[in-house]
Amino acid sequence: MKPFTLNVIAIIKSIPEGNVMTYGQIAELAGSPRGARQVVRILHSLSAIHQLPWYRVVNAKGEIAFNNEEARFMQTFHLDNEGVAVSDNGRIDLEQYRYTPVDRIDPLP
């Protein structure tokens, strides 16, 4: 696996319960500031294999990015269970719930 992919996996696994990060924020921390779409692809293809908390990742506006009604419901459900308030239009207050790591996150071994 490429270092960027390993970094993305490690960052997503490090998001604490009750917090979210944005695709772009993860991409930048992983070493590719313009790699938000790559983060989306990694989440889509590797979430199950690596047991990633995919639901803790939102778009830059703090919105749930899924168009699929079932996926939107599941993300809202998981976030709500962790105490993250999601508005009726699928928005999360990033000022309140965004996780910003203070230490460097090392990729998985």
N, C-alpha and C. Protein backbone atom coordinates (compact mmCIF):
# COMPACT_ATOMS: atom_id res chain seq x y z
N MET A 1 0.84 -1.18 0.00
CA MET A 1 0.00 0.00 0.00
C MET A 1 0.89 1.25 0.00
N LYS A 2 0.42 2.29 -0.65
CA LYS A 2 1.18 3.54 -0.73
C LYS A 2 1.15 4.27 0.61
N PRO A 3 2.19 5.06 0.88
CA PRO A 3 2.26 5.80 2.15
C PRO A 3 1.04 6.69 2.38
N PHE A 4 0.55 7.35 1.33
CA PHE A 4 -0.62 8.21 1.49
C PHE A 4 -1.81 7.40 1.99
N THR A 5 -2.04 6.25 1.40
CA THR A 5 -3.16 5.39 1.80
C THR A 5 -3.00 4.95 3.25
N LEU A 6 -1.81 4.54 3.62
CA LEU A 6 -1.56 4.13 5.00
C LEU A 6 -1.80 5.28 5.97
N ASN A 7 -1.37 6.48 5.58
CA ASN A 7 -1.58 7.66 6.43
C ASN A 7 -3.07 7.96 6.58
N VAL A 8 -3.81 7.88 5.48
CA VAL A 8 -5.26 8.14 5.54
C VAL A 8 -5.93 7.15 6.49
N ILE A 9 -5.60 5.88 6.37
CA ILE A 9 -6.19 4.86 7.24
C ILE A 9 -5.88 5.17 8.71
N ALA A 10 -4.63 5.50 8.99
CA ALA A 10 -4.23 5.80 10.38
C ALA A 10 -4.97 7.02 10.91
N ILE A 11 -5.11 8.04 10.08
CA ILE A 11 -5.78 9.28 10.52
C ILE A 11 -7.25 9.00 10.81
N ILE A 12 -7.92 8.29 9.91
CA ILE A 12 -9.34 8.01 10.11
C ILE A 12 -9.54 7.16 11.36
N LYS A 13 -8.67 6.19 11.58
CA LYS A 13 -8.78 5.35 12.79
C LYS A 13 -8.56 6.17 14.06
N SER A 14 -7.85 7.29 13.94
CA SER A 14 -7.53 8.10 15.13
C SER A 14 -8.63 9.10 15.50
N ILE A 15 -9.64 9.24 14.66
CA ILE A 15 -10.71 10.21 14.97
C ILE A 15 -11.48 9.69 16.18
N PRO A 16 -11.48 10.45 17.27
CA PRO A 16 -12.16 9.97 18.47
C PRO A 16 -13.68 9.95 18.32
N GLU A 17 -14.29 9.10 19.08
CA GLU A 17 -15.75 9.04 19.14
C GLU A 17 -16.28 10.42 19.47
N GLY A 18 -17.35 10.82 18.80
CA GLY A 18 -17.97 12.11 19.05
C GLY A 18 -17.32 13.26 18.31
N ASN A 19 -16.45 12.95 17.35
CA ASN A 19 -15.77 13.97 16.55
C ASN A 19 -15.84 13.60 15.08
N VAL A 20 -15.56 14.59 14.23
CA VAL A 20 -15.50 14.37 12.79
C VAL A 20 -14.27 15.06 12.22
N MET A 21 -13.89 14.66 11.02
CA MET A 21 -12.87 15.35 10.24
C MET A 21 -13.41 15.47 8.82
N THR A 22 -12.84 16.39 8.05
CA THR A 22 -13.25 16.54 6.66
C THR A 22 -12.32 15.75 5.75
N TYR A 23 -12.82 15.44 4.57
CA TYR A 23 -12.01 14.73 3.58
C TYR A 23 -10.71 15.51 3.30
N GLY A 24 -10.85 16.81 3.10
CA GLY A 24 -9.69 17.64 2.80
C GLY A 24 -8.71 17.73 3.96
N GLN A 25 -9.22 17.81 5.15
CA GLN A 25 -8.38 17.86 6.35
C GLN A 25 -7.55 16.57 6.45
N ILE A 26 -8.18 15.44 6.20
CA ILE A 26 -7.48 14.15 6.25
C ILE A 26 -6.43 14.10 5.15
N ALA A 27 -6.79 14.52 3.94
CA ALA A 27 -5.84 14.50 2.82
C ALA A 27 -4.61 15.34 3.13
N GLU A 28 -4.83 16.53 3.67
CA GLU A 28 -3.71 17.41 3.99
C GLU A 28 -2.80 16.79 5.05
N LEU A 29 -3.39 16.25 6.11
CA LEU A 29 -2.59 15.61 7.16
C LEU A 29 -1.84 14.38 6.63
N ALA A 30 -2.43 13.72 5.64
CA ALA A 30 -1.82 12.51 5.07
C ALA A 30 -0.73 12.84 4.06
N GLY A 31 -0.59 14.12 3.71
CA GLY A 31 0.50 14.52 2.83
C GLY A 31 0.11 14.94 1.43
N SER A 32 -1.18 15.07 1.16
CA SER A 32 -1.64 15.48 -0.17
C SER A 32 -2.79 16.47 -0.02
N PRO A 33 -2.47 17.78 0.12
CA PRO A 33 -3.50 18.78 0.37
C PRO A 33 -4.64 18.80 -0.64
N ARG A 34 -4.39 18.32 -1.85
CA ARG A 34 -5.44 18.31 -2.87
C ARG A 34 -6.01 16.91 -3.09
N GLY A 35 -5.85 16.03 -2.12
CA GLY A 35 -6.23 14.64 -2.27
C GLY A 35 -7.54 14.23 -1.63
N ALA A 36 -8.47 15.17 -1.45
CA ALA A 36 -9.74 14.83 -0.79
C ALA A 36 -10.49 13.72 -1.52
N ARG A 37 -10.46 13.74 -2.85
CA ARG A 37 -11.17 12.70 -3.60
C ARG A 37 -10.52 11.33 -3.41
N GLN A 38 -9.21 11.32 -3.22
CA GLN A 38 -8.53 10.06 -2.93
C GLN A 38 -9.00 9.51 -1.58
N VAL A 39 -9.21 10.40 -0.62
CA VAL A 39 -9.72 9.97 0.69
C VAL A 39 -11.08 9.32 0.53
N VAL A 40 -11.92 9.90 -0.32
CA VAL A 40 -13.24 9.32 -0.58
C VAL A 40 -13.08 7.90 -1.13
N ARG A 41 -12.19 7.73 -2.10
CA ARG A 41 -11.98 6.40 -2.70
C ARG A 41 -11.44 5.40 -1.68
N ILE A 42 -10.53 5.85 -0.84
CA ILE A 42 -9.98 4.97 0.19
C ILE A 42 -11.08 4.55 1.16
N LEU A 43 -11.89 5.49 1.59
CA LEU A 43 -13.01 5.15 2.48
C LEU A 43 -13.94 4.15 1.82
N HIS A 44 -14.25 4.38 0.57
CA HIS A 44 -15.18 3.51 -0.14
C HIS A 44 -14.64 2.09 -0.27
N SER A 45 -13.36 1.97 -0.58
CA SER A 45 -12.82 0.65 -0.86
C SER A 45 -12.21 -0.08 0.34
N LEU A 46 -11.83 0.65 1.39
CA LEU A 46 -11.10 0.01 2.48
C LEU A 46 -11.77 0.10 3.86
N SER A 47 -12.91 0.74 3.95
CA SER A 47 -13.57 0.89 5.26
C SER A 47 -13.87 -0.43 5.93
N ALA A 48 -14.43 -1.36 5.19
CA ALA A 48 -14.80 -2.65 5.78
C ALA A 48 -13.56 -3.45 6.17
N ILE A 49 -12.59 -3.51 5.29
CA ILE A 49 -11.38 -4.30 5.53
C ILE A 49 -10.63 -3.81 6.76
N HIS A 50 -10.55 -2.48 6.91
CA HIS A 50 -9.77 -1.90 8.01
C HIS A 50 -10.65 -1.40 9.17
N GLN A 51 -11.94 -1.71 9.10
CA GLN A 51 -12.90 -1.30 10.14
C GLN A 51 -12.78 0.18 10.46
N LEU A 52 -12.83 1.00 9.42
CA LEU A 52 -12.71 2.45 9.58
C LEU A 52 -14.03 3.06 10.02
N PRO A 53 -13.97 4.03 10.91
CA PRO A 53 -15.20 4.75 11.30
C PRO A 53 -15.55 5.78 10.22
N TRP A 54 -15.98 5.29 9.06
CA TRP A 54 -16.26 6.10 7.88
C TRP A 54 -17.24 7.23 8.16
N TYR A 55 -18.14 7.00 9.08
CA TYR A 55 -19.19 7.96 9.38
C TYR A 55 -18.66 9.21 10.07
N ARG A 56 -17.42 9.21 10.51
CA ARG A 56 -16.81 10.37 11.16
C ARG A 56 -16.15 11.32 10.17
N VAL A 57 -16.36 11.08 8.88
CA VAL A 57 -15.76 11.91 7.84
C VAL A 57 -16.87 12.61 7.06
N VAL A 58 -16.74 13.93 6.95
CA VAL A 58 -17.76 14.77 6.30
C VAL A 58 -17.08 15.69 5.29
N ASN A 59 -17.88 16.40 4.51
CA ASN A 59 -17.28 17.31 3.53
C ASN A 59 -16.83 18.62 4.19
N ALA A 60 -16.24 19.49 3.41
CA ALA A 60 -15.64 20.72 3.92
C ALA A 60 -16.64 21.66 4.57
N LYS A 61 -17.92 21.53 4.22
CA LYS A 61 -18.96 22.37 4.81
C LYS A 61 -19.54 21.75 6.08
N GLY A 62 -19.03 20.57 6.44
CA GLY A 62 -19.56 19.88 7.61
C GLY A 62 -20.83 19.12 7.29
N GLU A 63 -21.01 18.81 6.02
CA GLU A 63 -22.22 18.12 5.59
C GLU A 63 -21.96 16.65 5.31
N ILE A 64 -22.98 15.86 5.51
CA ILE A 64 -22.94 14.47 5.08
C ILE A 64 -23.00 14.49 3.56
N ALA A 65 -22.03 13.85 2.92
CA ALA A 65 -21.88 13.97 1.48
C ALA A 65 -22.64 12.91 0.68
N PHE A 66 -23.27 11.96 1.33
CA PHE A 66 -23.98 10.91 0.62
C PHE A 66 -25.29 11.41 0.03
N ASN A 67 -25.57 11.03 -1.22
CA ASN A 67 -26.86 11.32 -1.83
C ASN A 67 -27.84 10.18 -1.54
N ASN A 68 -27.30 8.99 -1.35
CA ASN A 68 -28.10 7.81 -1.07
C ASN A 68 -28.78 7.95 0.29
N GLU A 69 -30.07 7.83 0.30
CA GLU A 69 -30.85 8.05 1.53
C GLU A 69 -30.46 7.09 2.66
N GLU A 70 -30.22 5.82 2.32
CA GLU A 70 -29.86 4.84 3.34
C GLU A 70 -28.49 5.17 3.96
N ALA A 71 -27.52 5.53 3.11
CA ALA A 71 -26.19 5.87 3.60
C ALA A 71 -26.23 7.14 4.47
N ARG A 72 -27.02 8.12 4.05
CA ARG A 72 -27.18 9.35 4.86
C ARG A 72 -27.78 9.01 6.22
N PHE A 73 -28.78 8.14 6.21
CA PHE A 73 -29.42 7.74 7.46
C PHE A 73 -28.42 7.04 8.38
N MET A 74 -27.63 6.11 7.81
CA MET A 74 -26.67 5.36 8.62
C MET A 74 -25.60 6.28 9.21
N GLN A 75 -25.11 7.24 8.43
CA GLN A 75 -24.10 8.16 8.95
C GLN A 75 -24.70 9.02 10.06
N THR A 76 -25.89 9.52 9.84
CA THR A 76 -26.56 10.32 10.87
C THR A 76 -26.79 9.48 12.13
N PHE A 77 -27.23 8.26 11.94
CA PHE A 77 -27.48 7.34 13.05
C PHE A 77 -26.22 7.14 13.89
N HIS A 78 -25.10 6.81 13.23
CA HIS A 78 -23.84 6.58 13.95
C HIS A 78 -23.37 7.84 14.68
N LEU A 79 -23.42 8.97 14.00
CA LEU A 79 -22.96 10.21 14.62
C LEU A 79 -23.85 10.59 15.81
N ASP A 80 -25.15 10.44 15.63
CA ASP A 80 -26.08 10.73 16.71
C ASP A 80 -25.80 9.85 17.93
N ASN A 81 -25.50 8.58 17.71
CA ASN A 81 -25.18 7.66 18.80
C ASN A 81 -23.91 8.05 19.54
N GLU A 82 -23.04 8.79 18.87
CA GLU A 82 -21.80 9.25 19.51
C GLU A 82 -21.93 10.65 20.08
N GLY A 83 -23.13 11.22 20.00
CA GLY A 83 -23.35 12.54 20.58
C GLY A 83 -23.08 13.70 19.65
N VAL A 84 -22.88 13.43 18.37
CA VAL A 84 -22.65 14.48 17.39
C VAL A 84 -24.01 14.94 16.86
N ALA A 85 -24.31 16.22 17.02
CA ALA A 85 -25.58 16.76 16.55
C ALA A 85 -25.53 16.95 15.04
N VAL A 86 -26.50 16.36 14.35
CA VAL A 86 -26.62 16.51 12.90
C VAL A 86 -27.95 17.21 12.64
N SER A 87 -27.89 18.32 11.91
CA SER A 87 -29.10 19.08 11.63
C SER A 87 -30.00 18.31 10.67
N ASP A 88 -31.22 18.78 10.50
CA ASP A 88 -32.17 18.12 9.60
C ASP A 88 -31.67 18.08 8.16
N ASN A 89 -30.83 19.04 7.79
CA ASN A 89 -30.29 19.05 6.43
C ASN A 89 -28.93 18.36 6.33
N GLY A 90 -28.55 17.60 7.37
CA GLY A 90 -27.34 16.80 7.33
C GLY A 90 -26.05 17.54 7.59
N ARG A 91 -26.13 18.62 8.33
CA ARG A 91 -24.93 19.43 8.62
C ARG A 91 -24.48 19.26 10.06
N ILE A 92 -23.14 19.24 10.23
CA ILE A 92 -22.51 19.12 11.54
C ILE A 92 -21.76 20.42 11.81
N ASP A 93 -21.83 20.92 13.02
CA ASP A 93 -21.10 22.13 13.40
C ASP A 93 -19.62 21.79 13.56
N LEU A 94 -18.81 22.17 12.57
CA LEU A 94 -17.38 21.86 12.61
C LEU A 94 -16.66 22.58 13.73
N GLU A 95 -17.15 23.74 14.11
CA GLU A 95 -16.52 24.45 15.23
C GLU A 95 -16.60 23.62 16.51
N GLN A 96 -17.67 22.89 16.66
CA GLN A 96 -17.89 22.11 17.87
C GLN A 96 -17.33 20.69 17.78
N TYR A 97 -17.46 20.04 16.63
CA TYR A 97 -17.17 18.61 16.55
C TYR A 97 -15.92 18.23 15.74
N ARG A 98 -15.28 19.21 15.08
CA ARG A 98 -14.10 18.87 14.27
C ARG A 98 -12.94 18.44 15.17
N TYR A 99 -12.32 17.33 14.79
CA TYR A 99 -11.14 16.84 15.49
C TYR A 99 -9.91 17.35 14.77
N THR A 100 -9.01 17.95 15.54
CA THR A 100 -7.74 18.40 15.00
C THR A 100 -6.64 17.77 15.84
N PRO A 101 -5.94 16.77 15.28
CA PRO A 101 -4.89 16.11 16.04
C PRO A 101 -3.77 17.08 16.40
N VAL A 102 -3.25 16.95 17.60
CA VAL A 102 -2.15 17.82 18.02
C VAL A 102 -0.81 17.16 17.75
N ASP A 103 -0.79 15.85 17.68
CA ASP A 103 0.43 15.11 17.41
C ASP A 103 0.38 14.51 16.01
N ARG A 104 1.54 14.24 15.48
CA ARG A 104 1.63 13.57 14.18
C ARG A 104 1.07 12.16 14.34
N ILE A 105 0.32 11.74 13.33
CA ILE A 105 -0.26 10.40 13.36
C ILE A 105 0.59 9.51 12.47
N ASP A 106 1.16 8.48 13.05
CA ASP A 106 2.00 7.57 12.29
C ASP A 106 1.15 6.52 11.60
N PRO A 107 1.52 6.17 10.36
CA PRO A 107 0.75 5.15 9.65
C PRO A 107 0.84 3.79 10.33
N LEU A 108 -0.04 2.95 9.92
CA LEU A 108 -0.08 1.60 10.45
C LEU A 108 1.22 0.87 10.10
N PRO A 109 1.64 -0.06 10.93
CA PRO A 109 2.87 -0.81 10.61
C PRO A 109 2.70 -1.68 9.39
